[in-house]
């Protein structure tokens, strides 16, 4: 993913609320399923890492990306944004280059 494509997705993510959270339980199988379904439905999601979480924001982002095949768009503060093209509900058209 190019810098221009990431910038476009960051722009879109500004209006997205962080509907998903990672807490003290960390990243388990249920969390991965939830994120996977959310990515299929929305393509672009924002996740908040709570202060009581055992992992830091970057570690959570990397772990979820590895498990779901998503692209990290942005990690800032206690939130991160993920993108994965949907197979059935494609709504975001990323610029080619």
PDB file of N, CA and C in Angstrom:
ATOM      1  N   UNK A   1       0.847  -1.170   0.000  1.00  0.00           N
ATOM      2  CA  UNK A   1       0.000   0.000   0.000  1.00  0.00           C
ATOM      3  C   UNK A   1       0.900   1.242   0.000  1.00  0.00           C
ATOM      4  N   UNK A   2       0.604   2.156  -0.897  1.00  0.00           N
ATOM      5  CA  UNK A   2       1.424   3.355  -1.031  1.00  0.00           C
ATOM      6  C   UNK A   2       1.045   4.392   0.030  1.00  0.00           C
ATOM      7  N   UNK A   3       1.894   5.382   0.183  1.00  0.00           N
ATOM      8  CA  UNK A   3       1.632   6.466   1.123  1.00  0.00           C
ATOM      9  C   UNK A   3       0.396   7.252   0.745  1.00  0.00           C
ATOM     10  N   UNK A   4       0.196   7.429  -0.545  1.00  0.00           N
ATOM     11  CA  UNK A   4      -0.977   8.172  -1.028  1.00  0.00           C
ATOM     12  C   UNK A   4      -2.266   7.409  -0.693  1.00  0.00           C
ATOM     13  N   UNK A   5      -2.238   6.094  -0.845  1.00  0.00           N
ATOM     14  CA  UNK A   5      -3.399   5.277  -0.528  1.00  0.00           C
ATOM     15  C   UNK A   5      -3.690   5.314   0.977  1.00  0.00           C
ATOM     16  N   UNK A   6      -2.624   5.231   1.790  1.00  0.00           N
ATOM     17  CA  UNK A   6      -2.799   5.310   3.244  1.00  0.00           C
ATOM     18  C   UNK A   6      -3.359   6.666   3.659  1.00  0.00           C
ATOM     19  N   UNK A   7      -2.876   7.728   3.019  1.00  0.00           N
ATOM     20  CA  UNK A   7      -3.378   9.074   3.321  1.00  0.00           C
ATOM     21  C   UNK A   7      -4.866   9.180   3.001  1.00  0.00           C
ATOM     22  N   UNK A   8      -5.274   8.591   1.893  1.00  0.00           N
ATOM     23  CA  UNK A   8      -6.690   8.592   1.513  1.00  0.00           C
ATOM     24  C   UNK A   8      -7.522   7.866   2.571  1.00  0.00           C
ATOM     25  N   UNK A   9      -7.028   6.703   3.026  1.00  0.00           N
ATOM     26  CA  UNK A   9      -7.751   5.937   4.037  1.00  0.00           C
ATOM     27  C   UNK A   9      -7.767   6.660   5.387  1.00  0.00           C
ATOM     28  N   UNK A  10      -6.680   7.345   5.737  1.00  0.00           N
ATOM     29  CA  UNK A  10      -6.662   8.133   6.975  1.00  0.00           C
ATOM     30  C   UNK A  10      -7.717   9.226   6.929  1.00  0.00           C
ATOM     31  N   UNK A  11      -7.850   9.845   5.762  1.00  0.00           N
ATOM     32  CA  UNK A  11      -8.864  10.889   5.577  1.00  0.00           C
ATOM     33  C   UNK A  11     -10.263  10.314   5.811  1.00  0.00           C
ATOM     34  N   UNK A  12     -10.529   9.134   5.250  1.00  0.00           N
ATOM     35  CA  UNK A  12     -11.825   8.489   5.449  1.00  0.00           C
ATOM     36  C   UNK A  12     -12.041   8.082   6.911  1.00  0.00           C
ATOM     37  N   UNK A  13     -10.965   7.697   7.585  1.00  0.00           N
ATOM     38  CA  UNK A  13     -11.066   7.206   8.961  1.00  0.00           C
ATOM     39  C   UNK A  13     -11.372   8.319   9.959  1.00  0.00           C
ATOM     40  N   UNK A  14     -11.155   9.576   9.575  1.00  0.00           N
ATOM     41  CA  UNK A  14     -11.444  10.677  10.497  1.00  0.00           C
ATOM     42  C   UNK A  14     -12.897  10.672  10.945  1.00  0.00           C
ATOM     43  N   UNK A  15     -13.799  10.273  10.089  1.00  0.00           N
ATOM     44  CA  UNK A  15     -15.214  10.265  10.433  1.00  0.00           C
ATOM     45  C   UNK A  15     -15.698   8.972  11.067  1.00  0.00           C
ATOM     46  N   UNK A  16     -14.807   8.012  11.233  1.00  0.00           N
ATOM     47  CA  UNK A  16     -15.186   6.704  11.772  1.00  0.00           C
ATOM     48  C   UNK A  16     -14.982   6.707  13.292  1.00  0.00           C
ATOM     49  N   UNK A  17     -15.994   6.257  14.013  1.00  0.00           N
ATOM     50  CA  UNK A  17     -15.878   6.124  15.470  1.00  0.00           C
ATOM     51  C   UNK A  17     -15.191   4.803  15.819  1.00  0.00           C
ATOM     52  N   UNK A  18     -14.488   4.794  16.954  1.00  0.00           N
ATOM     53  CA  UNK A  18     -13.855   3.565  17.450  1.00  0.00           C
ATOM     54  C   UNK A  18     -14.934   2.725  18.130  1.00  0.00           C
ATOM     55  N   UNK A  19     -15.497   1.777  17.393  1.00  0.00           N
ATOM     56  CA  UNK A  19     -16.587   0.948  17.915  1.00  0.00           C
ATOM     57  C   UNK A  19     -16.082  -0.312  18.611  1.00  0.00           C
ATOM     58  N   UNK A  20     -14.822  -0.618  18.456  1.00  0.00           N
ATOM     59  CA  UNK A  20     -14.265  -1.852  18.993  1.00  0.00           C
ATOM     60  C   UNK A  20     -13.148  -1.522  19.968  1.00  0.00           C
ATOM     61  N   UNK A  21     -13.031  -2.350  21.028  1.00  0.00           N
ATOM     62  CA  UNK A  21     -12.045  -2.096  22.071  1.00  0.00           C
ATOM     63  C   UNK A  21     -11.278  -3.363  22.397  1.00  0.00           C
ATOM     64  N   UNK A  22     -10.032  -3.157  22.817  1.00  0.00           N
ATOM     65  CA  UNK A  22      -9.212  -4.251  23.321  1.00  0.00           C
ATOM     66  C   UNK A  22      -8.871  -3.890  24.757  1.00  0.00           C
ATOM     67  N   UNK A  23      -9.228  -4.777  25.677  1.00  0.00           N
ATOM     68  CA  UNK A  23      -9.022  -4.515  27.089  1.00  0.00           C
ATOM     69  C   UNK A  23      -8.036  -5.465  27.714  1.00  0.00           C
ATOM     70  N   UNK A  24      -8.246  -5.729  29.001  1.00  0.00           N
ATOM     71  CA  UNK A  24      -7.306  -6.552  29.765  1.00  0.00           C
ATOM     72  C   UNK A  24      -7.241  -7.999  29.283  1.00  0.00           C
ATOM     73  N   UNK A  25      -8.287  -8.459  28.596  1.00  0.00           N
ATOM     74  CA  UNK A  25      -8.277  -9.825  28.077  1.00  0.00           C
ATOM     75  C   UNK A  25      -7.372  -9.963  26.862  1.00  0.00           C
ATOM     76  N   UNK A  26      -6.977  -8.841  26.277  1.00  0.00           N
ATOM     77  CA  UNK A  26      -6.074  -8.865  25.129  1.00  0.00           C
ATOM     78  C   UNK A  26      -6.750  -9.340  23.863  1.00  0.00           C
ATOM     79  N   UNK A  27      -5.973  -9.969  23.013  1.00  0.00           N
ATOM     80  CA  UNK A  27      -6.468 -10.424  21.718  1.00  0.00           C
ATOM     81  C   UNK A  27      -6.665 -11.934  21.787  1.00  0.00           C
ATOM     82  N   UNK A  28      -7.934 -12.337  21.781  1.00  0.00           N
ATOM     83  CA  UNK A  28      -8.238 -13.761  21.806  1.00  0.00           C
ATOM     84  C   UNK A  28      -8.974 -14.137  20.520  1.00  0.00           C
ATOM     85  N   UNK A  29      -9.419 -15.357  20.449  1.00  0.00           N
ATOM     86  CA  UNK A  29     -10.084 -15.851  19.245  1.00  0.00           C
ATOM     87  C   UNK A  29     -11.366 -15.070  18.938  1.00  0.00           C
ATOM     88  N   UNK A  30     -12.109 -14.711  19.986  1.00  0.00           N
ATOM     89  CA  UNK A  30     -13.347 -13.938  19.807  1.00  0.00           C
ATOM     90  C   UNK A  30     -13.054 -12.554  19.241  1.00  0.00           C
ATOM     91  N   UNK A  31     -11.988 -11.934  19.714  1.00  0.00           N
ATOM     92  CA  UNK A  31     -11.601 -10.612  19.222  1.00  0.00           C
ATOM     93  C   UNK A  31     -11.263 -10.680  17.741  1.00  0.00           C
ATOM     94  N   UNK A  32     -10.523 -11.702  17.350  1.00  0.00           N
ATOM     95  CA  UNK A  32     -10.139 -11.865  15.944  1.00  0.00           C
ATOM     96  C   UNK A  32     -11.383 -12.077  15.082  1.00  0.00           C
ATOM     97  N   UNK A  33     -12.324 -12.898  15.549  1.00  0.00           N
ATOM     98  CA  UNK A  33     -13.566 -13.123  14.796  1.00  0.00           C
ATOM     99  C   UNK A  33     -14.349 -11.830  14.639  1.00  0.00           C
ATOM    100  N   UNK A  34     -14.453 -11.064  15.734  1.00  0.00           N
ATOM    101  CA  UNK A  34     -15.190  -9.805  15.715  1.00  0.00           C
ATOM    102  C   UNK A  34     -14.566  -8.825  14.716  1.00  0.00           C
ATOM    103  N   UNK A  35     -13.257  -8.699  14.744  1.00  0.00           N
ATOM    104  CA  UNK A  35     -12.563  -7.786  13.835  1.00  0.00           C
ATOM    105  C   UNK A  35     -12.697  -8.271  12.400  1.00  0.00           C
ATOM    106  N   UNK A  36     -12.579  -9.566  12.190  1.00  0.00           N
ATOM    107  CA  UNK A  36     -12.701 -10.130  10.851  1.00  0.00           C
ATOM    108  C   UNK A  36     -14.080  -9.830  10.254  1.00  0.00           C
ATOM    109  N   UNK A  37     -15.130 -10.024  11.033  1.00  0.00           N
ATOM    110  CA  UNK A  37     -16.491  -9.729  10.568  1.00  0.00           C
ATOM    111  C   UNK A  37     -16.682  -8.232  10.331  1.00  0.00           C
ATOM    112  N   UNK A  38     -16.127  -7.419  11.206  1.00  0.00           N
ATOM    113  CA  UNK A  38     -16.251  -5.972  11.061  1.00  0.00           C
ATOM    114  C   UNK A  38     -15.532  -5.488   9.807  1.00  0.00           C
ATOM    115  N   UNK A  39     -14.370  -6.048   9.512  1.00  0.00           N
ATOM    116  CA  UNK A  39     -13.640  -5.666   8.301  1.00  0.00           C
ATOM    117  C   UNK A  39     -14.403  -6.078   7.052  1.00  0.00           C
ATOM    118  N   UNK A  40     -15.025  -7.233   7.074  1.00  0.00           N
ATOM    119  CA  UNK A  40     -15.804  -7.683   5.915  1.00  0.00           C
ATOM    120  C   UNK A  40     -17.012  -6.772   5.691  1.00  0.00           C
ATOM    121  N   UNK A  41     -17.619  -6.321   6.766  1.00  0.00           N
ATOM    122  CA  UNK A  41     -18.811  -5.482   6.658  1.00  0.00           C
ATOM    123  C   UNK A  41     -18.486  -4.026   6.324  1.00  0.00           C
ATOM    124  N   UNK A  42     -17.374  -3.504   6.872  1.00  0.00           N
ATOM    125  CA  UNK A  42     -17.092  -2.068   6.769  1.00  0.00           C
ATOM    126  C   UNK A  42     -15.826  -1.697   6.001  1.00  0.00           C
ATOM    127  N   UNK A  43     -14.910  -2.612   5.832  1.00  0.00           N
ATOM    128  CA  UNK A  43     -13.611  -2.416   5.177  1.00  0.00           C
ATOM    129  C   UNK A  43     -12.645  -1.552   5.992  1.00  0.00           C
ATOM    130  N   UNK A  44     -13.123  -0.512   6.635  1.00  0.00           N
ATOM    131  CA  UNK A  44     -12.262   0.409   7.381  1.00  0.00           C
ATOM    132  C   UNK A  44     -12.811   0.513   8.801  1.00  0.00           C
ATOM    133  N   UNK A  45     -12.005   0.101   9.790  1.00  0.00           N
ATOM    134  CA  UNK A  45     -12.484   0.165  11.175  1.00  0.00           C
ATOM    135  C   UNK A  45     -11.428   0.807  12.069  1.00  0.00           C
ATOM    136  N   UNK A  46     -11.891   1.368  13.162  1.00  0.00           N
ATOM    137  CA  UNK A  46     -11.020   1.979  14.150  1.00  0.00           C
ATOM    138  C   UNK A  46     -11.204   1.212  15.455  1.00  0.00           C
ATOM    139  N   UNK A  47     -10.074   0.879  16.103  1.00  0.00           N
ATOM    140  CA  UNK A  47     -10.095   0.106  17.335  1.00  0.00           C
ATOM    141  C   UNK A  47      -9.359   0.882  18.424  1.00  0.00           C
ATOM    142  N   UNK A  48      -9.936   0.883  19.613  1.00  0.00           N
ATOM    143  CA  UNK A  48      -9.342   1.567  20.757  1.00  0.00           C
ATOM    144  C   UNK A  48      -8.718   0.532  21.691  1.00  0.00           C
ATOM    145  N   UNK A  49      -7.514   0.806  22.149  1.00  0.00           N
ATOM    146  CA  UNK A  49      -6.847  -0.059  23.118  1.00  0.00           C
ATOM    147  C   UNK A  49      -6.978   0.616  24.480  1.00  0.00           C
ATOM    148  N   UNK A  50      -7.637  -0.054  25.401  1.00  0.00           N
ATOM    149  CA  UNK A  50      -7.861   0.510  26.729  1.00  0.00           C
ATOM    150  C   UNK A  50      -6.574   0.529  27.544  1.00  0.00           C
ATOM    151  N   UNK A  51      -6.539   1.376  28.567  1.00  0.00           N
ATOM    152  CA  UNK A  51      -5.337   1.523  29.389  1.00  0.00           C
ATOM    153  C   UNK A  51      -4.991   0.256  30.148  1.00  0.00           C
ATOM    154  N   UNK A  52      -5.982  -0.569  30.467  1.00  0.00           N
ATOM    155  CA  UNK A  52      -5.711  -1.792  31.226  1.00  0.00           C
ATOM    156  C   UNK A  52      -5.302  -2.970  30.336  1.00  0.00           C
ATOM    157  N   UNK A  53      -5.143  -2.741  29.048  1.00  0.00           N
ATOM    158  CA  UNK A  53      -4.720  -3.810  28.130  1.00  0.00           C
ATOM    159  C   UNK A  53      -3.265  -4.181  28.400  1.00  0.00           C
ATOM    160  N   UNK A  54      -2.960  -5.448  28.208  1.00  0.00           N
ATOM    161  CA  UNK A  54      -1.606  -5.926  28.454  1.00  0.00           C
ATOM    162  C   UNK A  54      -0.638  -5.564  27.329  1.00  0.00           C
ATOM    163  N   UNK A  55      -1.153  -5.353  26.124  1.00  0.00           N
ATOM    164  CA  UNK A  55      -0.323  -5.013  24.968  1.00  0.00           C
ATOM    165  C   UNK A  55      -0.427  -3.529  24.656  1.00  0.00           C
ATOM    166  N   UNK A  56       0.610  -2.983  24.035  1.00  0.00           N
ATOM    167  CA  UNK A  56       0.536  -1.592  23.599  1.00  0.00           C
ATOM    168  C   UNK A  56      -0.190  -1.519  22.251  1.00  0.00           C
ATOM    169  N   UNK A  57      -0.449  -0.323  21.791  1.00  0.00           N
ATOM    170  CA  UNK A  57      -1.262  -0.113  20.594  1.00  0.00           C
ATOM    171  C   UNK A  57      -0.616  -0.745  19.365  1.00  0.00           C
ATOM    172  N   UNK A  58       0.663  -0.527  19.155  1.00  0.00           N
ATOM    173  CA  UNK A  58       1.349  -1.072  17.971  1.00  0.00           C
ATOM    174  C   UNK A  58       1.355  -2.597  17.976  1.00  0.00           C
ATOM    175  N   UNK A  59       1.579  -3.195  19.128  1.00  0.00           N
ATOM    176  CA  UNK A  59       1.579  -4.665  19.217  1.00  0.00           C
ATOM    177  C   UNK A  59       0.206  -5.234  18.890  1.00  0.00           C
ATOM    178  N   UNK A  60      -0.837  -4.583  19.404  1.00  0.00           N
ATOM    179  CA  UNK A  60      -2.206  -5.020  19.098  1.00  0.00           C
ATOM    180  C   UNK A  60      -2.479  -4.913  17.609  1.00  0.00           C
ATOM    181  N   UNK A  61      -2.087  -3.799  17.024  1.00  0.00           N
ATOM    182  CA  UNK A  61      -2.309  -3.566  15.596  1.00  0.00           C
ATOM    183  C   UNK A  61      -1.612  -4.632  14.761  1.00  0.00           C
ATOM    184  N   UNK A  62      -0.346  -4.894  15.061  1.00  0.00           N
ATOM    185  CA  UNK A  62       0.421  -5.894  14.306  1.00  0.00           C
ATOM    186  C   UNK A  62      -0.177  -7.290  14.454  1.00  0.00           C
ATOM    187  N   UNK A  63      -0.567  -7.648  15.678  1.00  0.00           N
ATOM    188  CA  UNK A  63      -1.116  -8.980  15.916  1.00  0.00           C
ATOM    189  C   UNK A  63      -2.426  -9.182  15.159  1.00  0.00           C
ATOM    190  N   UNK A  64      -3.289  -8.190  15.188  1.00  0.00           N
ATOM    191  CA  UNK A  64      -4.574  -8.306  14.492  1.00  0.00           C
ATOM    192  C   UNK A  64      -4.369  -8.330  12.984  1.00  0.00           C
ATOM    193  N   UNK A  65      -3.444  -7.516  12.481  1.00  0.00           N
ATOM    194  CA  UNK A  65      -3.151  -7.523  11.042  1.00  0.00           C
ATOM    195  C   UNK A  65      -2.643  -8.891  10.595  1.00  0.00           C
ATOM    196  N   UNK A  66      -1.776  -9.492  11.393  1.00  0.00           N
ATOM    197  CA  UNK A  66      -1.257 -10.815  11.060  1.00  0.00           C
ATOM    198  C   UNK A  66      -2.367 -11.858  10.998  1.00  0.00           C
ATOM    199  N   UNK A  67      -3.307 -11.789  11.916  1.00  0.00           N
ATOM    200  CA  UNK A  67      -4.379 -12.783  11.996  1.00  0.00           C
ATOM    201  C   UNK A  67      -5.478 -12.580  10.945  1.00  0.00           C
ATOM    202  N   UNK A  68      -5.750 -11.328  10.577  1.00  0.00           N
ATOM    203  CA  UNK A  68      -6.884 -11.051   9.697  1.00  0.00           C
ATOM    204  C   UNK A  68      -6.492 -10.717   8.259  1.00  0.00           C
ATOM    205  N   UNK A  69      -5.224 -10.443   8.016  1.00  0.00           N
ATOM    206  CA  UNK A  69      -4.796 -10.054   6.678  1.00  0.00           C
ATOM    207  C   UNK A  69      -5.126  -8.608   6.348  1.00  0.00           C
ATOM    208  N   UNK A  70      -5.357  -7.797   7.373  1.00  0.00           N
ATOM    209  CA  UNK A  70      -5.695  -6.382   7.180  1.00  0.00           C
ATOM    210  C   UNK A  70      -4.419  -5.551   7.041  1.00  0.00           C
ATOM    211  N   UNK A  71      -4.576  -4.351   6.509  1.00  0.00           N
ATOM    212  CA  UNK A  71      -3.471  -3.403   6.394  1.00  0.00           C
ATOM    213  C   UNK A  71      -3.579  -2.370   7.509  1.00  0.00           C
ATOM    214  N   UNK A  72      -2.478  -2.086   8.204  1.00  0.00           N
ATOM    215  CA  UNK A  72      -2.513  -1.007   9.189  1.00  0.00           C
ATOM    216  C   UNK A  72      -2.516   0.336   8.463  1.00  0.00           C
ATOM    217  N   UNK A  73      -3.450   1.183   8.793  1.00  0.00           N
ATOM    218  CA  UNK A  73      -3.551   2.492   8.158  1.00  0.00           C
ATOM    219  C   UNK A  73      -2.908   3.541   9.045  1.00  0.00           C
ATOM    220  N   UNK A  74      -3.209   3.484  10.346  1.00  0.00           N
ATOM    221  CA  UNK A  74      -2.729   4.509  11.264  1.00  0.00           C
ATOM    222  C   UNK A  74      -2.737   3.985  12.693  1.00  0.00           C
ATOM    223  N   UNK A  75      -1.689   4.318  13.444  1.00  0.00           N
ATOM    224  CA  UNK A  75      -1.622   4.064  14.884  1.00  0.00           C
ATOM    225  C   UNK A  75      -1.342   5.401  15.541  1.00  0.00           C
ATOM    226  N   UNK A  76      -2.284   5.884  16.320  1.00  0.00           N
ATOM    227  CA  UNK A  76      -2.075   7.177  16.957  1.00  0.00           C
ATOM    228  C   UNK A  76      -2.753   7.177  18.328  1.00  0.00           C
ATOM    229  N   UNK A  77      -2.022   7.589  19.335  1.00  0.00           N
ATOM    230  CA  UNK A  77      -2.556   7.594  20.695  1.00  0.00           C
ATOM    231  C   UNK A  77      -2.904   6.189  21.137  1.00  0.00           C
ATOM    232  N   UNK A  78      -4.145   5.985  21.544  1.00  0.00           N
ATOM    233  CA  UNK A  78      -4.586   4.663  21.979  1.00  0.00           C
ATOM    234  C   UNK A  78      -5.518   4.009  20.964  1.00  0.00           C
ATOM    235  N   UNK A  79      -5.485   4.511  19.732  1.00  0.00           N
ATOM    236  CA  UNK A  79      -6.350   3.967  18.673  1.00  0.00           C
ATOM    237  C   UNK A  79      -5.535   3.589  17.447  1.00  0.00           C
ATOM    238  N   UNK A  80      -6.081   2.654  16.678  1.00  0.00           N
ATOM    239  CA  UNK A  80      -5.478   2.327  15.395  1.00  0.00           C
ATOM    240  C   UNK A  80      -6.568   2.026  14.386  1.00  0.00           C
ATOM    241  N   UNK A  81      -6.224   2.191  13.109  1.00  0.00           N
ATOM    242  CA  UNK A  81      -7.169   2.024  12.009  1.00  0.00           C
ATOM    243  C   UNK A  81      -6.674   0.897  11.114  1.00  0.00           C
ATOM    244  N   UNK A  82      -7.602   0.019  10.722  1.00  0.00           N
ATOM    245  CA  UNK A  82      -7.290  -1.107   9.837  1.00  0.00           C
ATOM    246  C   UNK A  82      -8.150  -1.050   8.589  1.00  0.00           C
ATOM    247  N   UNK A  83      -7.590  -1.553   7.490  1.00  0.00           N
ATOM    248  CA  UNK A  83      -8.329  -1.648   6.234  1.00  0.00           C
ATOM    249  C   UNK A  83      -8.115  -3.025   5.630  1.00  0.00           C
ATOM    250  N   UNK A  84      -9.196  -3.588   5.124  1.00  0.00           N
ATOM    251  CA  UNK A  84      -9.122  -4.802   4.320  1.00  0.00           C
ATOM    252  C   UNK A  84     -10.273  -4.754   3.322  1.00  0.00           C
ATOM    253  N   UNK A  85      -9.953  -4.997   2.080  1.00  0.00           N
ATOM    254  CA  UNK A  85     -10.976  -4.976   1.035  1.00  0.00           C
ATOM    255  C   UNK A  85     -11.996  -6.083   1.295  1.00  0.00           C
ATOM    256  N   UNK A  86     -13.258  -5.723   1.219  1.00  0.00           N
ATOM    257  CA  UNK A  86     -14.341  -6.671   1.444  1.00  0.00           C
ATOM    258  C   UNK A  86     -14.583  -7.511   0.190  1.00  0.00           C
ATOM    259  N   UNK A  87     -14.929  -8.762   0.402  1.00  0.00           N
ATOM    260  CA  UNK A  87     -15.241  -9.652  -0.712  1.00  0.00           C
ATOM    261  C   UNK A  87     -16.667  -9.434  -1.229  1.00  0.00           C
ATOM    262  N   UNK A  88     -17.591  -9.061  -0.324  1.00  0.00           N
ATOM    263  CA  UNK A  88     -18.995  -8.950  -0.685  1.00  0.00           C
ATOM    264  C   UNK A  88     -19.535  -7.521  -0.619  1.00  0.00           C
ATOM    265  N   UNK A  89     -18.960  -6.681   0.228  1.00  0.00           N
ATOM    266  CA  UNK A  89     -19.494  -5.342   0.466  1.00  0.00           C
ATOM    267  C   UNK A  89     -18.495  -4.245   0.111  1.00  0.00           C
ATOM    268  N   UNK A  90     -17.875  -4.328  -1.028  1.00  0.00           N
ATOM    269  CA  UNK A  90     -16.852  -3.347  -1.391  1.00  0.00           C
ATOM    270  C   UNK A  90     -17.490  -1.970  -1.580  1.00  0.00           C
ATOM    271  N   UNK A  91     -17.051  -1.018  -0.762  1.00  0.00           N
ATOM    272  CA  UNK A  91     -17.588   0.345  -0.834  1.00  0.00           C
ATOM    273  C   UNK A  91     -16.499   1.390  -1.002  1.00  0.00           C
ATOM    274  N   UNK A  92     -15.266   1.073  -0.647  1.00  0.00           N
ATOM    275  CA  UNK A  92     -14.170   2.038  -0.715  1.00  0.00           C
ATOM    276  C   UNK A  92     -13.347   1.784  -1.978  1.00  0.00           C
ATOM    277  N   UNK A  93     -13.205   2.824  -2.788  1.00  0.00           N
ATOM    278  CA  UNK A  93     -12.361   2.746  -3.974  1.00  0.00           C
ATOM    279  C   UNK A  93     -11.076   3.504  -3.710  1.00  0.00           C
ATOM    280  N   UNK A  94     -10.005   2.767  -3.492  1.00  0.00           N
ATOM    281  CA  UNK A  94      -8.711   3.369  -3.197  1.00  0.00           C
ATOM    282  C   UNK A  94      -8.071   3.814  -4.503  1.00  0.00           C
ATOM    283  N   UNK A  95      -7.466   5.016  -4.521  1.00  0.00           N
ATOM    284  CA  UNK A  95      -6.753   5.445  -5.738  1.00  0.00           C
ATOM    285  C   UNK A  95      -5.628   4.456  -6.075  1.00  0.00           C
ATOM    286  N   UNK A  96      -5.434   4.217  -7.340  1.00  0.00           N
ATOM    287  CA  UNK A  96      -4.426   3.223  -7.760  1.00  0.00           C
ATOM    288  C   UNK A  96      -3.028   3.632  -7.350  1.00  0.00           C
ATOM    289  N   UNK A  97      -2.644   4.885  -7.590  1.00  0.00           N
ATOM    290  CA  UNK A  97      -1.300   5.361  -7.190  1.00  0.00           C
ATOM    291  C   UNK A  97      -1.256   6.813  -6.997  1.00  0.00           C
TER     292      UNK A  97
END
